Amino acid sequence: SWSAGGDKEPIAPGTVRARMFGPGLGIA
């Protein structure tokens, strides 16, 4: 929804895509 400007609307339950980078913990 954020692609269509939905970043200004309340976040609804659903699906989230994520990535985690942890250089400080030795995790690329």
mmCIF file of all heavy atoms, coordinates in Angstrom:
data_MODEL
# 
_entry.id   MODEL 
# 
loop_
_atom_site.group_PDB 
_atom_site.id 
_atom_site.type_symbol 
_atom_site.label_atom_id 
_atom_site.label_alt_id 
_atom_site.label_comp_id 
_atom_site.label_asym_id 
_atom_site.label_entity_id 
_atom_site.label_seq_id 
_atom_site.pdbx_PDB_ins_code 
_atom_site.Cartn_x 
_atom_site.Cartn_y 
_atom_site.Cartn_z 
_atom_site.occupancy 
_atom_site.B_iso_or_equiv 
_atom_site.pdbx_formal_charge 
_atom_site.auth_seq_id 
_atom_site.auth_comp_id 
_atom_site.auth_asym_id 
_atom_site.auth_atom_id 
_atom_site.pdbx_PDB_model_num 
ATOM 1   N N   . SER A 1 1  ? 0.820  -1.219  0.000  1.00 0.00 ? 1  SER A N   1 
ATOM 2   C CA  . SER A 1 1  ? 0.000  0.000   0.000  1.00 0.00 ? 1  SER A CA  1 
ATOM 3   C C   . SER A 1 1  ? 0.850  1.262   0.000  1.00 0.00 ? 1  SER A C   1 
ATOM 4   O O   . SER A 1 1  ? 0.413  2.314   -0.471 1.00 0.00 ? 1  SER A O   1 
ATOM 5   C CB  . SER A 1 1  ? -0.934 0.013   1.205  1.00 0.00 ? 1  SER A CB  1 
ATOM 6   O OG  . SER A 1 1  ? -0.180 0.037   2.411  1.00 0.00 ? 1  SER A OG  1 
ATOM 7   N N   . TRP A 1 2  ? 2.086  1.173   0.533  1.00 0.00 ? 2  TRP A N   1 
ATOM 8   C CA  . TRP A 1 2  ? 2.925  2.370   0.593  1.00 0.00 ? 2  TRP A CA  1 
ATOM 9   C C   . TRP A 1 2  ? 3.329  2.851   -0.799 1.00 0.00 ? 2  TRP A C   1 
ATOM 10  O O   . TRP A 1 2  ? 3.574  4.035   -1.002 1.00 0.00 ? 2  TRP A O   1 
ATOM 11  C CB  . TRP A 1 2  ? 4.172  2.102   1.434  1.00 0.00 ? 2  TRP A CB  1 
ATOM 12  C CG  . TRP A 1 2  ? 3.844  1.729   2.849  1.00 0.00 ? 2  TRP A CG  1 
ATOM 13  C CD1 . TRP A 1 2  ? 2.615  1.801   3.448  1.00 0.00 ? 2  TRP A CD1 1 
ATOM 14  C CD2 . TRP A 1 2  ? 4.733  1.204   3.830  1.00 0.00 ? 2  TRP A CD2 1 
ATOM 15  N NE1 . TRP A 1 2  ? 2.690  1.355   4.751  1.00 0.00 ? 2  TRP A NE1 1 
ATOM 16  C CE2 . TRP A 1 2  ? 3.975  0.983   5.022  1.00 0.00 ? 2  TRP A CE2 1 
ATOM 17  C CE3 . TRP A 1 2  ? 6.088  0.898   3.831  1.00 0.00 ? 2  TRP A CE3 1 
ATOM 18  C CZ2 . TRP A 1 2  ? 4.544  0.478   6.179  1.00 0.00 ? 2  TRP A CZ2 1 
ATOM 19  C CZ3 . TRP A 1 2  ? 6.652  0.398   4.997  1.00 0.00 ? 2  TRP A CZ3 1 
ATOM 20  C CH2 . TRP A 1 2  ? 5.895  0.185   6.156  1.00 0.00 ? 2  TRP A CH2 1 
ATOM 21  N N   . SER A 1 3  ? 3.409  1.932   -1.769 1.00 0.00 ? 3  SER A N   1 
ATOM 22  C CA  . SER A 1 3  ? 3.788  2.305   -3.137 1.00 0.00 ? 3  SER A CA  1 
ATOM 23  C C   . SER A 1 3  ? 2.791  3.282   -3.746 1.00 0.00 ? 3  SER A C   1 
ATOM 24  O O   . SER A 1 3  ? 3.148  4.125   -4.571 1.00 0.00 ? 3  SER A O   1 
ATOM 25  C CB  . SER A 1 3  ? 3.879  1.061   -4.026 1.00 0.00 ? 3  SER A CB  1 
ATOM 26  O OG  . SER A 1 3  ? 4.821  0.148   -3.517 1.00 0.00 ? 3  SER A OG  1 
ATOM 27  N N   . ALA A 1 4  ? 1.533  3.170   -3.345 1.00 0.00 ? 4  ALA A N   1 
ATOM 28  C CA  . ALA A 1 4  ? 0.477  4.019   -3.913 1.00 0.00 ? 4  ALA A CA  1 
ATOM 29  C C   . ALA A 1 4  ? 0.164  5.214   -3.019 1.00 0.00 ? 4  ALA A C   1 
ATOM 30  O O   . ALA A 1 4  ? -0.918 5.792   -3.104 1.00 0.00 ? 4  ALA A O   1 
ATOM 31  C CB  . ALA A 1 4  ? -0.776 3.186   -4.122 1.00 0.00 ? 4  ALA A CB  1 
ATOM 32  N N   . GLY A 1 5  ? 1.113  5.556   -2.169 1.00 0.00 ? 5  GLY A N   1 
ATOM 33  C CA  . GLY A 1 5  ? 0.895  6.705   -1.294 1.00 0.00 ? 5  GLY A CA  1 
ATOM 34  C C   . GLY A 1 5  ? 0.149  6.360   -0.028 1.00 0.00 ? 5  GLY A C   1 
ATOM 35  O O   . GLY A 1 5  ? -0.240 7.250   0.737  1.00 0.00 ? 5  GLY A O   1 
ATOM 36  N N   . GLY A 1 6  ? -0.044 5.064   0.232  1.00 0.00 ? 6  GLY A N   1 
ATOM 37  C CA  . GLY A 1 6  ? -0.747 4.638   1.430  1.00 0.00 ? 6  GLY A CA  1 
ATOM 38  C C   . GLY A 1 6  ? 0.054  4.822   2.697  1.00 0.00 ? 6  GLY A C   1 
ATOM 39  O O   . GLY A 1 6  ? -0.417 4.489   3.776  1.00 0.00 ? 6  GLY A O   1 
ATOM 40  N N   . ASP A 1 7  ? 1.286  5.356   2.566  1.00 0.00 ? 7  ASP A N   1 
ATOM 41  C CA  . ASP A 1 7  ? 2.112  5.596   3.739  1.00 0.00 ? 7  ASP A CA  1 
ATOM 42  C C   . ASP A 1 7  ? 1.517  6.680   4.638  1.00 0.00 ? 7  ASP A C   1 
ATOM 43  O O   . ASP A 1 7  ? 1.941  6.848   5.776  1.00 0.00 ? 7  ASP A O   1 
ATOM 44  C CB  . ASP A 1 7  ? 3.528  5.988   3.319  1.00 0.00 ? 7  ASP A CB  1 
ATOM 45  C CG  . ASP A 1 7  ? 3.555  7.149   2.341  1.00 0.00 ? 7  ASP A CG  1 
ATOM 46  O OD1 . ASP A 1 7  ? 3.026  6.969   1.238  1.00 0.00 ? 7  ASP A OD1 1 
ATOM 47  O OD2 . ASP A 1 7  ? 4.091  8.215   2.688  1.00 0.00 ? 7  ASP A OD2 1 
ATOM 48  N N   . LYS A 1 8  ? 0.544  7.431   4.124  1.00 0.00 ? 8  LYS A N   1 
ATOM 49  C CA  . LYS A 1 8  ? -0.096 8.483   4.919  1.00 0.00 ? 8  LYS A CA  1 
ATOM 50  C C   . LYS A 1 8  ? -1.386 7.988   5.569  1.00 0.00 ? 8  LYS A C   1 
ATOM 51  O O   . LYS A 1 8  ? -2.045 8.735   6.293  1.00 0.00 ? 8  LYS A O   1 
ATOM 52  C CB  . LYS A 1 8  ? -0.366 9.714   4.044  1.00 0.00 ? 8  LYS A CB  1 
ATOM 53  C CG  . LYS A 1 8  ? 0.895  10.359  3.488  1.00 0.00 ? 8  LYS A CG  1 
ATOM 54  C CD  . LYS A 1 8  ? 0.583  11.533  2.591  1.00 0.00 ? 8  LYS A CD  1 
ATOM 55  C CE  . LYS A 1 8  ? 1.856  12.206  2.098  1.00 0.00 ? 8  LYS A CE  1 
ATOM 56  N NZ  . LYS A 1 8  ? 2.710  11.303  1.330  1.00 0.00 ? 8  LYS A NZ  1 
ATOM 57  N N   . GLU A 1 9  ? -1.775 6.727   5.292  1.00 0.00 ? 9  GLU A N   1 
ATOM 58  C CA  . GLU A 1 9  ? -2.978 6.143   5.870  1.00 0.00 ? 9  GLU A CA  1 
ATOM 59  C C   . GLU A 1 9  ? -2.595 5.241   7.048  1.00 0.00 ? 9  GLU A C   1 
ATOM 60  O O   . GLU A 1 9  ? -1.449 4.798   7.162  1.00 0.00 ? 9  GLU A O   1 
ATOM 61  C CB  . GLU A 1 9  ? -3.714 5.326   4.801  1.00 0.00 ? 9  GLU A CB  1 
ATOM 62  C CG  . GLU A 1 9  ? -4.121 6.117   3.570  1.00 0.00 ? 9  GLU A CG  1 
ATOM 63  C CD  . GLU A 1 9  ? -5.128 7.209   3.888  1.00 0.00 ? 9  GLU A CD  1 
ATOM 64  O OE1 . GLU A 1 9  ? -5.933 6.988   4.823  1.00 0.00 ? 9  GLU A OE1 1 
ATOM 65  O OE2 . GLU A 1 9  ? -5.089 8.263   3.243  1.00 0.00 ? 9  GLU A OE2 1 
ATOM 66  N N   . PRO A 1 10 ? -3.540 4.949   7.954  1.00 0.00 ? 10 PRO A N   1 
ATOM 67  C CA  . PRO A 1 10 ? -3.244 4.006   9.046  1.00 0.00 ? 10 PRO A CA  1 
ATOM 68  C C   . PRO A 1 10 ? -2.790 2.658   8.495  1.00 0.00 ? 10 PRO A C   1 
ATOM 69  O O   . PRO A 1 10 ? -3.287 2.195   7.468  1.00 0.00 ? 10 PRO A O   1 
ATOM 70  C CB  . PRO A 1 10 ? -4.594 3.890   9.772  1.00 0.00 ? 10 PRO A CB  1 
ATOM 71  C CG  . PRO A 1 10 ? -5.320 5.146   9.436  1.00 0.00 ? 10 PRO A CG  1 
ATOM 72  C CD  . PRO A 1 10 ? -4.900 5.501   8.035  1.00 0.00 ? 10 PRO A CD  1 
ATOM 73  N N   . ILE A 1 11 ? -1.848 2.051   9.163  1.00 0.00 ? 11 ILE A N   1 
ATOM 74  C CA  . ILE A 1 11 ? -1.341 0.753   8.730  1.00 0.00 ? 11 ILE A CA  1 
ATOM 75  C C   . ILE A 1 11 ? -2.346 -0.328  9.110  1.00 0.00 ? 11 ILE A C   1 
ATOM 76  O O   . ILE A 1 11 ? -2.691 -0.496  10.281 1.00 0.00 ? 11 ILE A O   1 
ATOM 77  C CB  . ILE A 1 11 ? 0.027  0.453   9.365  1.00 0.00 ? 11 ILE A CB  1 
ATOM 78  C CG1 . ILE A 1 11 ? 1.070  1.453   8.855  1.00 0.00 ? 11 ILE A CG1 1 
ATOM 79  C CG2 . ILE A 1 11 ? 0.465  -0.970  9.047  1.00 0.00 ? 11 ILE A CG2 1 
ATOM 80  C CD1 . ILE A 1 11 ? 2.442  1.264   9.459  1.00 0.00 ? 11 ILE A CD1 1 
ATOM 81  N N   . ALA A 1 12 ? -2.810 -1.069  8.128  1.00 0.00 ? 12 ALA A N   1 
ATOM 82  C CA  . ALA A 1 12 ? -3.784 -2.127  8.366  1.00 0.00 ? 12 ALA A CA  1 
ATOM 83  C C   . ALA A 1 12 ? -3.067 -3.458  8.576  1.00 0.00 ? 12 ALA A C   1 
ATOM 84  O O   . ALA A 1 12 ? -1.976 -3.684  8.035  1.00 0.00 ? 12 ALA A O   1 
ATOM 85  C CB  . ALA A 1 12 ? -4.740 -2.238  7.184  1.00 0.00 ? 12 ALA A CB  1 
ATOM 86  N N   . PRO A 1 13 ? -3.648 -4.354  9.370  1.00 0.00 ? 13 PRO A N   1 
ATOM 87  C CA  . PRO A 1 13 ? -3.095 -5.704  9.476  1.00 0.00 ? 13 PRO A CA  1 
ATOM 88  C C   . PRO A 1 13 ? -2.993 -6.345  8.098  1.00 0.00 ? 13 PRO A C   1 
ATOM 89  O O   . PRO A 1 13 ? -3.803 -6.074  7.214  1.00 0.00 ? 13 PRO A O   1 
ATOM 90  C CB  . PRO A 1 13 ? -4.102 -6.430  10.369 1.00 0.00 ? 13 PRO A CB  1 
ATOM 91  C CG  . PRO A 1 13 ? -4.750 -5.347  11.172 1.00 0.00 ? 13 PRO A CG  1 
ATOM 92  C CD  . PRO A 1 13 ? -4.820 -4.171  10.231 1.00 0.00 ? 13 PRO A CD  1 
ATOM 93  N N   . GLY A 1 14 ? -2.011 -7.159  7.899  1.00 0.00 ? 14 GLY A N   1 
ATOM 94  C CA  . GLY A 1 14 ? -1.817 -7.786  6.589  1.00 0.00 ? 14 GLY A CA  1 
ATOM 95  C C   . GLY A 1 14 ? -0.410 -8.321  6.450  1.00 0.00 ? 14 GLY A C   1 
ATOM 96  O O   . GLY A 1 14 ? 0.128  -8.948  7.370  1.00 0.00 ? 14 GLY A O   1 
ATOM 97  N N   . THR A 1 15 ? 0.195  -8.052  5.298  1.00 0.00 ? 15 THR A N   1 
ATOM 98  C CA  . THR A 1 15 ? 1.506  -8.592  4.969  1.00 0.00 ? 15 THR A CA  1 
ATOM 99  C C   . THR A 1 15 ? 2.561  -7.495  4.970  1.00 0.00 ? 15 THR A C   1 
ATOM 100 O O   . THR A 1 15 ? 2.333  -6.398  4.480  1.00 0.00 ? 15 THR A O   1 
ATOM 101 C CB  . THR A 1 15 ? 1.467  -9.260  3.580  1.00 0.00 ? 15 THR A CB  1 
ATOM 102 O OG1 . THR A 1 15 ? 0.536  -10.341 3.616  1.00 0.00 ? 15 THR A OG1 1 
ATOM 103 C CG2 . THR A 1 15 ? 2.841  -9.795  3.196  1.00 0.00 ? 15 THR A CG2 1 
ATOM 104 N N   . VAL A 1 16 ? 3.721  -7.822  5.524  1.00 0.00 ? 16 VAL A N   1 
ATOM 105 C CA  . VAL A 1 16 ? 4.879  -6.919  5.533  1.00 0.00 ? 16 VAL A CA  1 
ATOM 106 C C   . VAL A 1 16 ? 6.062  -7.664  4.934  1.00 0.00 ? 16 VAL A C   1 
ATOM 107 O O   . VAL A 1 16 ? 6.267  -8.849  5.208  1.00 0.00 ? 16 VAL A O   1 
ATOM 108 C CB  . VAL A 1 16 ? 5.220  -6.461  6.969  1.00 0.00 ? 16 VAL A CB  1 
ATOM 109 C CG1 . VAL A 1 16 ? 6.500  -5.640  6.985  1.00 0.00 ? 16 VAL A CG1 1 
ATOM 110 C CG2 . VAL A 1 16 ? 4.066  -5.656  7.567  1.00 0.00 ? 16 VAL A CG2 1 
ATOM 111 N N   . ARG A 1 17 ? 6.825  -6.987  4.091  1.00 0.00 ? 17 ARG A N   1 
ATOM 112 C CA  . ARG A 1 17 ? 8.109  -7.515  3.585  1.00 0.00 ? 17 ARG A CA  1 
ATOM 113 C C   . ARG A 1 17 ? 9.236  -6.873  4.366  1.00 0.00 ? 17 ARG A C   1 
ATOM 114 O O   . ARG A 1 17 ? 9.186  -5.677  4.681  1.00 0.00 ? 17 ARG A O   1 
ATOM 115 C CB  . ARG A 1 17 ? 8.254  -7.202  2.098  1.00 0.00 ? 17 ARG A CB  1 
ATOM 116 C CG  . ARG A 1 17 ? 7.389  -8.056  1.181  1.00 0.00 ? 17 ARG A CG  1 
ATOM 117 C CD  . ARG A 1 17 ? 7.957  -9.466  1.001  1.00 0.00 ? 17 ARG A CD  1 
ATOM 118 N NE  . ARG A 1 17 ? 9.353  -9.432  0.616  1.00 0.00 ? 17 ARG A NE  1 
ATOM 119 C CZ  . ARG A 1 17 ? 9.808  -9.222  -0.635 1.00 0.00 ? 17 ARG A CZ  1 
ATOM 120 N NH1 . ARG A 1 17 ? 8.930  -9.039  -1.625 1.00 0.00 ? 17 ARG A NH1 1 
ATOM 121 N NH2 . ARG A 1 17 ? 11.096 -9.207  -0.905 1.00 0.00 ? 17 ARG A NH2 1 
ATOM 122 N N   . ALA A 1 18 ? 10.276 -7.651  4.692  1.00 0.00 ? 18 ALA A N   1 
ATOM 123 C CA  . ALA A 1 18 ? 11.332 -7.125  5.552  1.00 0.00 ? 18 ALA A CA  1 
ATOM 124 C C   . ALA A 1 18 ? 12.702 -7.712  5.210  1.00 0.00 ? 18 ALA A C   1 
ATOM 125 O O   . ALA A 1 18 ? 12.799 -8.803  4.625  1.00 0.00 ? 18 ALA A O   1 
ATOM 126 C CB  . ALA A 1 18 ? 11.006 -7.408  7.020  1.00 0.00 ? 18 ALA A CB  1 
ATOM 127 N N   . ARG A 1 19 ? 13.737 -6.963  5.575  1.00 0.00 ? 19 ARG A N   1 
ATOM 128 C CA  . ARG A 1 19 ? 15.117 -7.441  5.543  1.00 0.00 ? 19 ARG A CA  1 
ATOM 129 C C   . ARG A 1 19 ? 15.807 -6.916  6.801  1.00 0.00 ? 19 ARG A C   1 
ATOM 130 O O   . ARG A 1 19 ? 15.477 -5.838  7.302  1.00 0.00 ? 19 ARG A O   1 
ATOM 131 C CB  . ARG A 1 19 ? 15.876 -6.948  4.300  1.00 0.00 ? 19 ARG A CB  1 
ATOM 132 C CG  . ARG A 1 19 ? 15.306 -7.443  2.994  1.00 0.00 ? 19 ARG A CG  1 
ATOM 133 C CD  . ARG A 1 19 ? 16.081 -6.895  1.799  1.00 0.00 ? 19 ARG A CD  1 
ATOM 134 N NE  . ARG A 1 19 ? 17.396 -7.511  1.667  1.00 0.00 ? 19 ARG A NE  1 
ATOM 135 C CZ  . ARG A 1 19 ? 18.286 -7.176  0.725  1.00 0.00 ? 19 ARG A CZ  1 
ATOM 136 N NH1 . ARG A 1 19 ? 17.992 -6.209  -0.140 1.00 0.00 ? 19 ARG A NH1 1 
ATOM 137 N NH2 . ARG A 1 19 ? 19.450 -7.781  0.648  1.00 0.00 ? 19 ARG A NH2 1 
ATOM 138 N N   . MET A 1 20 ? 16.780 -7.675  7.327  1.00 0.00 ? 20 MET A N   1 
ATOM 139 C CA  . MET A 1 20 ? 17.515 -7.233  8.505  1.00 0.00 ? 20 MET A CA  1 
ATOM 140 C C   . MET A 1 20 ? 19.009 -7.286  8.241  1.00 0.00 ? 20 MET A C   1 
ATOM 141 O O   . MET A 1 20 ? 19.543 -8.308  7.827  1.00 0.00 ? 20 MET A O   1 
ATOM 142 C CB  . MET A 1 20 ? 17.178 -8.106  9.716  1.00 0.00 ? 20 MET A CB  1 
ATOM 143 C CG  . MET A 1 20 ? 17.574 -7.477  11.072 1.00 0.00 ? 20 MET A CG  1 
ATOM 144 S SD  . MET A 1 20 ? 19.349 -7.407  11.426 1.00 0.00 ? 20 MET A SD  1 
ATOM 145 C CE  . MET A 1 20 ? 19.605 -8.995  12.220 1.00 0.00 ? 20 MET A CE  1 
ATOM 146 N N   . PHE A 1 21 ? 19.676 -6.157  8.476  1.00 0.00 ? 21 PHE A N   1 
ATOM 147 C CA  . PHE A 1 21 ? 21.133 -6.066  8.383  1.00 0.00 ? 21 PHE A CA  1 
ATOM 148 C C   . PHE A 1 21 ? 21.688 -5.781  9.776  1.00 0.00 ? 21 PHE A C   1 
ATOM 149 O O   . PHE A 1 21 ? 21.249 -4.836  10.442 1.00 0.00 ? 21 PHE A O   1 
ATOM 150 C CB  . PHE A 1 21 ? 21.551 -4.951  7.424  1.00 0.00 ? 21 PHE A CB  1 
ATOM 151 C CG  . PHE A 1 21 ? 21.071 -5.149  6.007  1.00 0.00 ? 21 PHE A CG  1 
ATOM 152 C CD1 . PHE A 1 21 ? 20.049 -4.372  5.488  1.00 0.00 ? 21 PHE A CD1 1 
ATOM 153 C CD2 . PHE A 1 21 ? 21.642 -6.110  5.185  1.00 0.00 ? 21 PHE A CD2 1 
ATOM 154 C CE1 . PHE A 1 21 ? 19.603 -4.542  4.191  1.00 0.00 ? 21 PHE A CE1 1 
ATOM 155 C CE2 . PHE A 1 21 ? 21.202 -6.291  3.884  1.00 0.00 ? 21 PHE A CE2 1 
ATOM 156 C CZ  . PHE A 1 21 ? 20.183 -5.507  3.386  1.00 0.00 ? 21 PHE A CZ  1 
ATOM 157 N N   . GLY A 1 22 ? 22.674 -6.578  10.209 1.00 0.00 ? 22 GLY A N   1 
ATOM 158 C CA  . GLY A 1 22 ? 23.229 -6.400  11.549 1.00 0.00 ? 22 GLY A CA  1 
ATOM 159 C C   . GLY A 1 22 ? 24.736 -6.338  11.575 1.00 0.00 ? 22 GLY A C   1 
ATOM 160 O O   . GLY A 1 22 ? 25.373 -7.219  12.181 1.00 0.00 ? 22 GLY A O   1 
ATOM 161 N N   . PRO A 1 23 ? 25.348 -5.319  10.961 1.00 0.00 ? 23 PRO A N   1 
ATOM 162 C CA  . PRO A 1 23 ? 26.805 -5.219  10.966 1.00 0.00 ? 23 PRO A CA  1 
ATOM 163 C C   . PRO A 1 23 ? 27.396 -5.201  12.369 1.00 0.00 ? 23 PRO A C   1 
ATOM 164 O O   . PRO A 1 23 ? 28.480 -5.749  12.612 1.00 0.00 ? 23 PRO A O   1 
ATOM 165 C CB  . PRO A 1 23 ? 27.073 -3.888  10.239 1.00 0.00 ? 23 PRO A CB  1 
ATOM 166 C CG  . PRO A 1 23 ? 25.850 -3.645  9.422  1.00 0.00 ? 23 PRO A CG  1 
ATOM 167 C CD  . PRO A 1 23 ? 24.713 -4.209  10.212 1.00 0.00 ? 23 PRO A CD  1 
ATOM 168 N N   . GLY A 1 24 ? 26.693 -4.576  13.318 1.00 0.00 ? 24 GLY A N   1 
ATOM 169 C CA  . GLY A 1 24 ? 27.211 -4.479  14.679 1.00 0.00 ? 24 GLY A CA  1 
ATOM 170 C C   . GLY A 1 24 ? 27.256 -5.810  15.405 1.00 0.00 ? 24 GLY A C   1 
ATOM 171 O O   . GLY A 1 24 ? 27.977 -5.957  16.400 1.00 0.00 ? 24 GLY A O   1 
ATOM 172 N N   . LEU A 1 25 ? 26.484 -6.802  14.937 1.00 0.00 ? 25 LEU A N   1 
ATOM 173 C CA  . LEU A 1 25 ? 26.468 -8.130  15.548 1.00 0.00 ? 25 LEU A CA  1 
ATOM 174 C C   . LEU A 1 25 ? 27.225 -9.155  14.714 1.00 0.00 ? 25 LEU A C   1 
ATOM 175 O O   . LEU A 1 25 ? 27.187 -10.341 15.009 1.00 0.00 ? 25 LEU A O   1 
ATOM 176 C CB  . LEU A 1 25 ? 25.016 -8.609  15.736 1.00 0.00 ? 25 LEU A CB  1 
ATOM 177 C CG  . LEU A 1 25 ? 24.163 -7.831  16.735 1.00 0.00 ? 25 LEU A CG  1 
ATOM 178 C CD1 . LEU A 1 25 ? 22.743 -8.382  16.748 1.00 0.00 ? 25 LEU A CD1 1 
ATOM 179 C CD2 . LEU A 1 25 ? 24.766 -7.902  18.131 1.00 0.00 ? 25 LEU A CD2 1 
ATOM 180 N N   . GLY A 1 26 ? 27.886 -8.701  13.667 1.00 0.00 ? 26 GLY A N   1 
ATOM 181 C CA  . GLY A 1 26 ? 28.595 -9.619  12.789 1.00 0.00 ? 26 GLY A CA  1 
ATOM 182 C C   . GLY A 1 26 ? 27.671 -10.368 11.854 1.00 0.00 ? 26 GLY A C   1 
ATOM 183 O O   . GLY A 1 26 ? 28.026 -11.442 11.348 1.00 0.00 ? 26 GLY A O   1 
ATOM 184 N N   . ILE A 1 27 ? 26.458 -9.829  11.600 1.00 0.00 ? 27 ILE A N   1 
ATOM 185 C CA  . ILE A 1 27 ? 25.479 -10.468 10.725 1.00 0.00 ? 27 ILE A CA  1 
ATOM 186 C C   . ILE A 1 27 ? 25.302 -9.600  9.481  1.00 0.00 ? 27 ILE A C   1 
ATOM 187 O O   . ILE A 1 27 ? 24.709 -8.516  9.560  1.00 0.00 ? 27 ILE A O   1 
ATOM 188 C CB  . ILE A 1 27 ? 24.126 -10.658 11.435 1.00 0.00 ? 27 ILE A CB  1 
ATOM 189 C CG1 . ILE A 1 27 ? 24.308 -11.492 12.713 1.00 0.00 ? 27 ILE A CG1 1 
ATOM 190 C CG2 . ILE A 1 27 ? 23.121 -11.321 10.506 1.00 0.00 ? 27 ILE A CG2 1 
ATOM 191 C CD1 . ILE A 1 27 ? 23.060 -11.557 13.573 1.00 0.00 ? 27 ILE A CD1 1 
ATOM 192 N N   . ALA A 1 28 ? 25.805 -10.067 8.348  1.00 0.00 ? 28 ALA A N   1 
ATOM 193 C CA  . ALA A 1 28 ? 25.659 -9.285  7.115  1.00 0.00 ? 28 ALA A CA  1 
ATOM 194 C C   . ALA A 1 28 ? 24.193 -9.107  6.766  1.00 0.00 ? 28 ALA A C   1 
ATOM 195 O O   . ALA A 1 28 ? 23.737 -8.004  6.457  1.00 0.00 ? 28 ALA A O   1 
ATOM 196 C CB  . ALA A 1 28 ? 26.416 -9.959  5.975  1.00 0.00 ? 28 ALA A CB  1 
# 
